[in-house]
Amino acid sequence: MYYNGSVNGIEESQVFFIISSVGFVLLWAFVAVLLFYLIRITRSFSRIMDKIEGGVNQIGDTTKELLEDLRDSALFHFLFRRKKKSRKDKEEGKN
């Protein structure tokens, strides 16, 4: 039998099947690695956001305490004391 260089349809389909199978395996391996790193990045981002949220809450609590201390201080009362109502103002407020 003499080989003339032509390939029949079955051999072509087998070559195509092998090439496409290898391509799909490589594609799914790439997608799996990509998803793995995406999940790791998401977890890291979540941990960072939790730390930031805790820090913001702590700063908020510290700020509230600072404002309460400032309002209770003598200097604050001296600078921003409330004007006392006179008797007339008190009596008018009741009527």
Protein backbone atom coordinates (compact mmCIF):
# COMPACT_ATOMS: atom_id res chain seq x y z
CA MET A 1 0.00 0.00 0.00
CA TYR A 2 1.27 3.38 -0.98
CA TYR A 3 0.82 6.42 1.39
CA ASN A 4 -0.13 9.48 -0.62
CA GLY A 5 -0.26 11.99 2.28
CA SER A 6 -4.01 12.37 2.51
CA VAL A 7 -5.81 11.83 5.79
CA ASN A 8 -9.27 10.33 5.88
CA GLY A 9 -12.16 11.74 7.91
CA ILE A 10 -11.86 9.38 10.87
CA GLU A 11 -8.20 10.21 11.42
CA GLU A 12 -8.99 13.93 11.20
CA SER A 13 -11.73 13.60 13.81
CA GLN A 14 -9.41 11.65 16.13
CA VAL A 15 -6.71 14.34 15.87
CA PHE A 16 -9.32 17.06 16.46
CA PHE A 17 -10.69 15.16 19.48
CA ILE A 18 -7.22 14.80 21.03
CA ILE A 19 -6.33 18.46 20.46
CA SER A 20 -9.68 19.73 21.76
CA SER A 21 -9.50 17.42 24.81
CA VAL A 22 -6.05 18.71 25.74
CA GLY A 23 -7.26 22.28 25.17
CA PHE A 24 -10.30 21.86 27.42
CA VAL A 25 -8.23 20.22 30.15
CA LEU A 26 -5.77 23.13 30.05
CA LEU A 27 -8.62 25.65 29.99
CA TRP A 28 -10.32 24.09 33.04
CA ALA A 29 -6.98 23.89 34.88
CA PHE A 30 -6.49 27.61 34.21
CA VAL A 31 -10.04 28.38 35.41
CA ALA A 32 -9.50 26.28 38.57
CA VAL A 33 -6.26 28.14 39.40
CA LEU A 34 -7.96 31.47 38.70
CA LEU A 35 -10.88 30.59 41.00
CA PHE A 36 -8.48 29.42 43.72
CA TYR A 37 -6.64 32.75 43.71
CA LEU A 38 -9.90 34.69 43.47
CA ILE A 39 -11.20 32.92 46.59
CA ARG A 40 -7.94 33.64 48.44
CA ILE A 41 -8.06 37.30 47.46
CA THR A 42 -11.70 37.53 48.57
CA ARG A 43 -10.88 36.00 51.96
CA SER A 44 -7.93 38.35 52.43
CA PHE A 45 -10.07 41.34 51.48
CA SER A 46 -12.75 40.20 53.92
CA ARG A 47 -10.21 39.93 56.75
CA ILE A 48 -8.84 43.39 55.94
CA MET A 49 -12.34 44.87 55.94
CA ASP A 50 -13.09 43.24 59.32
CA LYS A 51 -9.92 44.78 60.77
CA ILE A 52 -10.79 48.18 59.33
CA GLU A 53 -14.34 47.94 60.69
CA GLY A 54 -13.02 47.05 64.15
CA GLY A 55 -10.62 49.99 64.00
CA VAL A 56 -13.35 52.39 62.96
CA ASN A 57 -15.59 51.16 65.79
CA GLN A 58 -12.74 51.58 68.27
CA ILE A 59 -12.01 55.09 66.97
CA GLY A 60 -15.72 55.92 67.25
CA ASP A 61 -15.84 54.72 70.86
CA THR A 62 -12.66 56.62 71.71
CA THR A 63 -14.07 59.78 70.11
CA LYS A 64 -17.30 59.48 72.11
CA GLU A 65 -15.33 59.08 75.33
CA LEU A 66 -13.16 62.08 74.42
CA LEU A 67 -16.22 64.26 73.73
CA GLU A 68 -17.85 63.20 77.01
CA ASP A 69 -14.66 64.04 78.91
CA LEU A 70 -14.46 67.38 77.12
CA ARG A 71 -18.08 68.25 77.92
CA ASP A 72 -17.55 67.35 81.57
CA SER A 73 -14.42 69.48 81.86
CA ALA A 74 -14.42 72.78 83.74
CA LEU A 75 -12.95 74.67 80.79
CA PHE A 76 -15.83 73.60 78.55
CA HIS A 77 -18.38 74.69 81.15
CA PHE A 78 -16.57 78.00 81.56
CA LEU A 79 -16.43 78.73 77.83
CA PHE A 80 -19.83 77.38 76.85
CA ARG A 81 -21.94 77.77 79.95
CA ARG A 82 -25.64 78.06 79.52
CA LYS A 83 -27.28 81.32 80.31
CA LYS A 84 -29.42 81.05 83.38
CA LYS A 85 -33.05 81.90 82.87
CA SER A 86 -34.42 84.77 84.86
CA ARG A 87 -37.58 84.40 86.92
CA LYS A 88 -39.59 86.16 84.24
CA ASP A 89 -38.45 83.68 81.59
CA LYS A 90 -39.31 80.75 83.85
CA GLU A 91 -42.75 82.13 84.64
CA GLU A 92 -43.47 82.87 80.98
CA GLY A 93 -42.44 79.34 80.06
CA LYS A 94 -45.01 77.88 82.46
CA ASN A 95 -47.90 79.93 81.04
